[in-house]
Structure formats: structure tokens, C-alpha cells
Amino acid sequence: MKQIRKEYIKLFACIFSFFCFLTARAQTSSDTSSVSVVKHRTGSTFTLSGEEIQRMMVGNLLNTLQGRIPGLTVETGSGEPGYDNPTLYLRGQSSWNIGGNKVLIYLDGYEVDMNAISSLSAYEIESVTLLKDALALAPFGLQGGAGVLWIKTLSGSNDKVKISANARYGIQSAIELPSVVNAFDFTSNYNKALANDGLPVKYANPELYKATDDPFHPNVDWYKEALKNTSKIQDYNVSFRGGSPKTRYFVLMNYTDFTGLYKNADAIDKDFGTNARYNKINLRGNVDLQLSKSLSVTANISAITEDKNTPAGFTATELFDNLLRIPAAAFPVHNPNGTWGTSSAYNFNPVQRLQRFGIWNSHTRNLQTNVSFTEKLDAITKGLALKGGLSFSNQYVGFYQKQFGQPAYEISKGANDEPLLNANGEVIYIQRGSVSENINEGETSHWNRTTGQIGLEYSRTFGKNTWSGSILAKRQNYSKNGLVYELRNQGLSGNVSYDYNKTYLFDFVASYIGSTDFAPGKRYGFFPAAGLGWVLSNEDFLNNSTAISYLKLRATYGKVGNTNEDRRFLYQQWATGAGSWKLGTGNSTRDGRKEGSIANPDATWEEKTTLNIGVDLQLFKKLTANIDVFSEKRSGILEIPNADIPAFTGFSLQYMNTGEVKNHGFEASLSFDNNDHNFKYYLRGSAAFARNEITKKSEEAQPFDYLYARGYRLDQFKGLAFEGFYQEGDFDANGLPKQGVVTSSYATVKPGDLKFKDQDNNGVINNYDMVPFDYAKLPEVTLGFNLGFRFKGFDFDAYMQGVLNRTVSLLNDTYIYTHPFVNNNNMTAFSLNNWTPENAATAEYPRLSTLSNKNNDQQSDFWLRNGNFFKLRSVELGYTIPKIKSVKRIENIRIFLNGTNLFTLDKLEDLEAERLSMGYPLMKAVTFGMKARF
């Protein structure tokens, strides 16, 4: 209790000191929300307008940001409607603990969860701003180290009410699905694999599987049977925007409906099966009230309901894994007697599952509210204002499931691959599964976030000197199901800015913020940042330049932090589950407990220091360039020390702040706008690069430097170097490797297996031969290119995104696709050119086998692929119909045709590089739309 009082004394001392300074000279931020965000004159930010994100027809708002904001990497999630949350990274990755989706997201000045933001409509967004460097992030203290995405919704205006109605209807289709072999190719190659394993063949006559109507020798295209070629998408909204000087409002109502690719899922009855479907209703009301000359109030309310329907009993990932895994020759959709087909090896009939196993409905309710006020205190001193606000956001996700079980039947077959008949000459069937019924409902997710904040802002100009500053006190509580102790943090943030004649700029930002996750006395941290700027275009030697319209140099330096929700209360000693023992004559079992990891009283947050140097340039009032170069050092990364602890001690070490990663790179954006003629056009491009290096990491001693993670990139692939296939000449008459031929410690190798380079020259391939390769899966480089024009009512816009320096592993992400016959997998186009003695010189895949091969399954560059890709993210052609004088109420009508993800260029065959075509596929869309303003 004494320690808590000391912390509050520090807080109040900081408040008092800062207020004394503010009454002398300071400035308000240009942001009208209750959160004080520094006026980013020297900091690194990038803002995207709401209109730009309306050009992609996707169900998740965050997926519209792909490649559009330099420094923000957006990794696409699944293509399944309603389950397509992406992963976000700021300037790549700089910690092995702070992965994706740690970016803070603020909506209208208050933090909200990602799954609440993803369901917003693009038509309610005014702007999206990414805060990148220490100056921009320091106000967020120990929460800002992974970046902040600052989203502002539309507000009202002083004009008469404007009504806007938007409608979009489109067709989606899968970008790319894997290619699997037909039944004949499967059975022929399966027999080949059995022969390689020294086992008898299974299919006596593969020629029988060339037929298309033989249920005893089926040739089923499971993708065709279970999936449609297209699905529909639609989005409709109407908004009202207007007001008066005293009352301004924006109201939006939006309806979105996405359907999935499942074919005839409800053909039998809607209670037994359903197509994947996602629909949502958005309601938003933003009101700004000028209650008096000095008092203004803003209230924002957003309510969203989402319904997601999917078939019950399995996920989309399971379904698509089985569509890929089940061979065409496995079993028919329906048996000759009309029953559902199946087999003991797979026991998953995709068509039956879609149509007869029930429905799952997930219902989500999102509520986001905040009320903010600004009271001008000019009566005390001119320019002083008191700001404050309260925010409450909440999400509840419930489910209703109606699940059924229905038997399927396997056709019994003999050794010659023909059906077995009973005494009456009837086919003998084996029943798999039974009749069952289950109805269930409950809660899957529930969270609440409350925030209260209050602060002062003040601005004043004295001749050519302008001072600005603010201070904000904030407390935030966050709770969710599964979280025993709610997350709480509180503290102060403030900024001071100065400029002389709008030419020489200085910014200082700091926060003093604490969290209950850490030990008393170590809960608060100080996070300062400073920035300098020089507007050269205001100098006399450039003031009259016809070429340089604007030129500013800026530099910032400071530090921010990151907490880790998965590593809380490390300063406390905990007990964990252990063995059990029996007591009494009844041998009653009692669970045991043991002492957990040793407490770490010094546990704290990760810290990131950042140096950012930037240039803002405008030439001829048409060409605009923004360039940032940064260098980051993240220290205090949590890790468990790799020290050998004897088992007899009975203890283990706790996480400690000993790791370190450095990260550096640049972001650049270039824009050319020509609006001087009737034909108006623009060209825009952006590039971002971020490369990290692990500089400190606790690791066990290794015999070679390349075995350490230290000195290499986060998640950089390491593996064995592929040197071709073992050939028959590598083995003696007994099948053993000849003298001088490297052997494998993972498995007994045979001709046709993968051969690797012996890095340490000891004659044996093992983990000491694993070397670093290429890049990580997260790209180092993101490119964007945008062009468009407007001419006589027509408008055109196209946007392309590219990623470079990206490596993907087929072993990690596409095991079913790349491993035929193992675990009863199907065969795909990837392994058709497999090794045989006849094609040993041209083979591209190891020998076929029905058995798992640990040697071939080691990570190696054989499985690594270039993951770079370029995508036409959006293209749109529109026409605005001229105003009809006789129809006074209609201001204008615009019709347009839009395409999303229509074109992809990558280095992979048969797979799309972004998600490797695994799970529910990524989708492309063609959409027709209309927008009317009244």
C-alpha cells in the first residue's frame, strides 16, 4: 500500500509541474478526440483516406489495408466468410515474443480490440493513420512498441443534411485450388510406392479406375462435388450527414452478406446443412454538440451484429484438408444402394458432412461507445482547454449448434480389388458411424474494455514563436473470458512543441505509465521521445523557388515498451500440477502440486528505442515524396535462460528480460497528381523495407556459429542443404551406403531419398548440418503502386501490391499436398515427376513411399520456395451520371465496376503464394456498384 501511494505521489508531482509549465506557454493538438495525440510535425506517420479503402470488396475492414500503408505489413487470413482476420506487423518483426496482431488499434481516440474493428464498414471511416516512430508512439508508453493504428470515423458537418446510398453486388471465386490426380494416376502410383516399400500391390487393375460411373472403382472429383465455382457478396448502406454550427451528426446503417463456396449444402434441409455464410448489420451514430461558447461534447456509438453460419462438426480447415487428402479412388459419394459412401482409411465423406451433419451459428454483438468533452478555459488564460472522456467497448460471441450423426457405408473388397458379395449376390457393406443428435449453445468469447481519461491542452503564439503542449491522465481496464485477473494500466502522457516562424521545430513527448502485471515498485516506466524539424522551404534561399514547393527535414529519437499478455505476474512464485498418490484403504487418488519456476522479481516490459530520420518534399506542387529511415533496438525480450539445471534441484528458471533484436529499414511514398486539365490523373508508389537481426539470445553452446539464432533474422529458415537424390550407385549389393557416401542420422536411406550436404564433414547428416537459408515467411519488402484518372464523368483506379524477400516452406505449410500416400494422403501434381531408376537424372521429387520418411521430412532448401508475389488488389472503373435538372433531390449518381484480387503473379506452380492455397481459399471478386447522393 505504501508503494502504491509513492507511485501516486510521483504522478501528482508530474501533473503539478507540467500544469505550471502549461500556464506559461503550450499548444493544443489538432485532433479533436479526447486522447491527446502529438501534432506529428517531426514524427513518422502515414494517413490513408476512407475513400481509398472502399475500393476492395472484402468482408474484413483490415484486409483493405494490404500494401496501402508503408510500414504496415498485413498478412491475409483465411478466405472463409467471417473468419478472415489478418495479421498485422509494424516495420516487420523485432521480437520473438511480440508477434502479429500486437498493434494497438484506436477508434476515435480509444483503444478497441481487433475483432471489433474488423467488422466496421469502410463507408464509416474518415481516415486510417499508422503511428510508427518513437515520437508518435511514446504517449502509449509500455503498450506502444508494436505500433498504433489510429482510425477516425466520419463526423457531421455544418451543412444541410446530405444523404448517401451505396449498393454493391458481386461474384467471388477461388484464386487457386490445388491440383490432385485422378483415380487412375493415384492407384498406379500407389502401387509403385508399395513396390518401393517392398509391399504387395493394392490395386490389381488400375485401368478400371479410368471409368467415371463405376462405384466399385470410383473416380471422384471431390472439389467439384463439394464446391461451387462462385459465391455471391453484397453490401448496402445509407448514411446521413449534416447539422448546424451547434449540432453536427453522422448516421450510418450498413448491411453486408457473404456466402461461401459449399455446394448444395442445404439440399436436403436447412436444418441438416448450410453453406458458409457471413452477414452483419452496422449501426453508427456520431454527434457533436456545441452546448455553449466554451463547452463542446462528442458522442460516438457503434452497434454491430454478426452472424456466421457453417456446417457443424468440423471446421473449414478440416473440410479443405480432406478435399485435398481424400483420393478420387477412395469411395463413391453414394453407394449403389443409395447410402453414403466412406472408407475406414478416411471416414469423412465431404458431401455427406456438408448436407447431413447439422449447422453451427455464431452470433456476435459489438458495442463501442465513447463520450468526450472539451471545455475552453480562456477565462483562466487564453488557449487553455480541459478535455476528458469515457469509453466502453464490449463484445459477446455466442453459438448455437444443431449436430447430427448419420452412418456411412464402406464397400467390402477382396484381395483383387473387387467387391465382396454375400450368399444372395449382394454387395457386403460395413457400417461406419451411427445415428446421433445433439443440440448445444453457449458462449465462445466475451470481453469488456473501459477507459477514462482527462487532461489539459493549451496553445499560444507569441510573434514568431509558437508553443504547444498537452497532458493526459488515463486509466484502462480490460477483462475477457479465460482471464482470471483483468488487465489494468494507468498513467500520464504529455507533449511539448515549439516552432519558430514555422521553420524550426521541436517536439518532446513522454509518458509515465504502469501496469499491474509487474511487481510493486517496478510497475511504472518513463517513455520519452524528442523530435527536431527544419522546414527549409520557409528559408529565404528557397522561399521563392518555383521547383521546391515544400521541403522539411526531421529526426526523432526515443523509447517505448511492450507488455506480454502471456507472461504476466512473473515476479510471483506459483505452484503447478505434479504427480498423484493414493491414500486409505479405498486407494483414493490425490493430485499433487510442485513448486513452479523461480519467481523473477525484476521482470519487466520489453523496451524499444528508435531513431527515425525523415524527409517530406513537394516539387512543382504536383510531386510529393515522404521518406523515412529508421533504426530500432528492442531489448529486454523475455526468454528462459538455457542453463543446465540438475534434475535433483527440483526447480526451473523463470522468464528473464535478456534478449535483444535490432531492426532497420526505410519507408518511401511518392505521389504525382496532375489536376490542371480536364483529364486529371495520378500516379502513386510506395516501398517499405525492414530487416531484423537477433543480437542477444540465450542459447545452448553450439560447435558452429551458423547453428546459433544470434546473428540471423527472426524466424529465418534453417535446414539441410539439398544435394540431389541418392542414386543406386551410392549403395553396395546389401543396400548399404558405400564408403565415402554420407549417411543420415534420421532414417535408413535408399535410392531416391534426399541427399544433403555434410557441412561438418563427419560423414553423417544430423542437426549440426543445418544452415540458414534465404529469408523468413514475413516479407522484408512491401511495394505498392496506384494509378488513376478522371475524365468527363469517367474515373478509373487500379492498385497493385507486391512483397519481396519472402521464403515459404512447403514442408511446414503444405504437408498433405507434398506427401502422397503417407498417412493415406492423396497425390497431387507436385509429386508426379518422382524419382525412379529410369528418370533419376530429371526427377524433381523423391521416390514414392507409403511410409513416413524422417530423412526426407527434415527442413531443407528442397522444401523452401520463393514466396514473393504481386497482386492486383483492386481495379475500378466508374461513371458519374450528370445531374438531371428536373430531379432536384438527386445530387449525383455514380455506377462502377470493381475487381478485387483479380490477378496474381508468383513463383509457385499450382499454388498461390500468399496462403499457399491451403484451407478455405483466398477469393477474387467482380463487383457491380452504385452510389447516389441526395
Foldseek 3Di string as FASTA:
>chain_A
DVLVVVVVVVFVVVVVVVVVVVVVFAFAEPQPFLAGFDNPPFFDKDKDFLVQLQFFDAQFSVVSCDLVTFQKHWFWAFQFPPGTHTWIFGQFDFEPQDGTLLAFEAERNHTDHRSLRGRDDSQFWGMKMKGHAQSRQQLVFASDPRTYIYTYTDKAAAADKKKKKKKKKWKWFFPFFFFFDWQLLQLVQQCQQCVVVVHHRQAQDSVVLVDPPDQLQFTDLQCVLFFAGIWMKMKIKMKMHHHRPFKTKIKMKMKIKTWAGTDCLQVPHPFFADTWMKMKIKIKMWMWGDPDPFKIKIKIKIKMKMKTKHQPDDDLQVLQLCSQFAHRRQGDCADPVGFGEDDPLRRCNSSCSRHGFGMKMKMKIKIKIKMKMKGAVVVSPPFKIKIKMKIKIKMWIKMKIKTWKDKGWYFDADSNSGGDADPVRHTDIDIDIHTDIDIDMDTDKIKMKMKIKMKMWGWDDDVQKTKHKMKMWMKMWMDMPPDPDIKIKIWMKMKMWMDGNNFKIKIKIKIWMFIPQADSVAGIDIKIKMKIKGWCCPDPVNVPPQWWPTKMKMKMKIKHWYDRPVAGNLQDKDKDWDDWFFDDPVRDIDTDIATAADRDNNQDTKMKIKMKIKMWTDTNNFKTKIKIWMKMKIFQRWDFAPDDDDVVVRHGHTITGGWMKMKIWMKMKMKGWDPPDLKTKMKIKMKIFMWMFTQDDRDDDDPDPQLDSHGHGVQFDKFFAWDAWAAPVQADPVQQGDPPAAAEPFDGDGTQATGTDDPVPPRYDDSSRIGTDFAHQRFRMKMKIKMKIHHDQKIKIWMKIKGFSHKDFCLPQPVLAQADLASSGGYGPQQPQGDDNVCRPPGLHGRHHNYDGRRRSIDYCSRMDGLIKMFGAKIKMKGKDDDDPVPVQWPIKMKMKMKGRPDMDDDDPSARRSRRSRRNGNMIMIMIMMMIMD
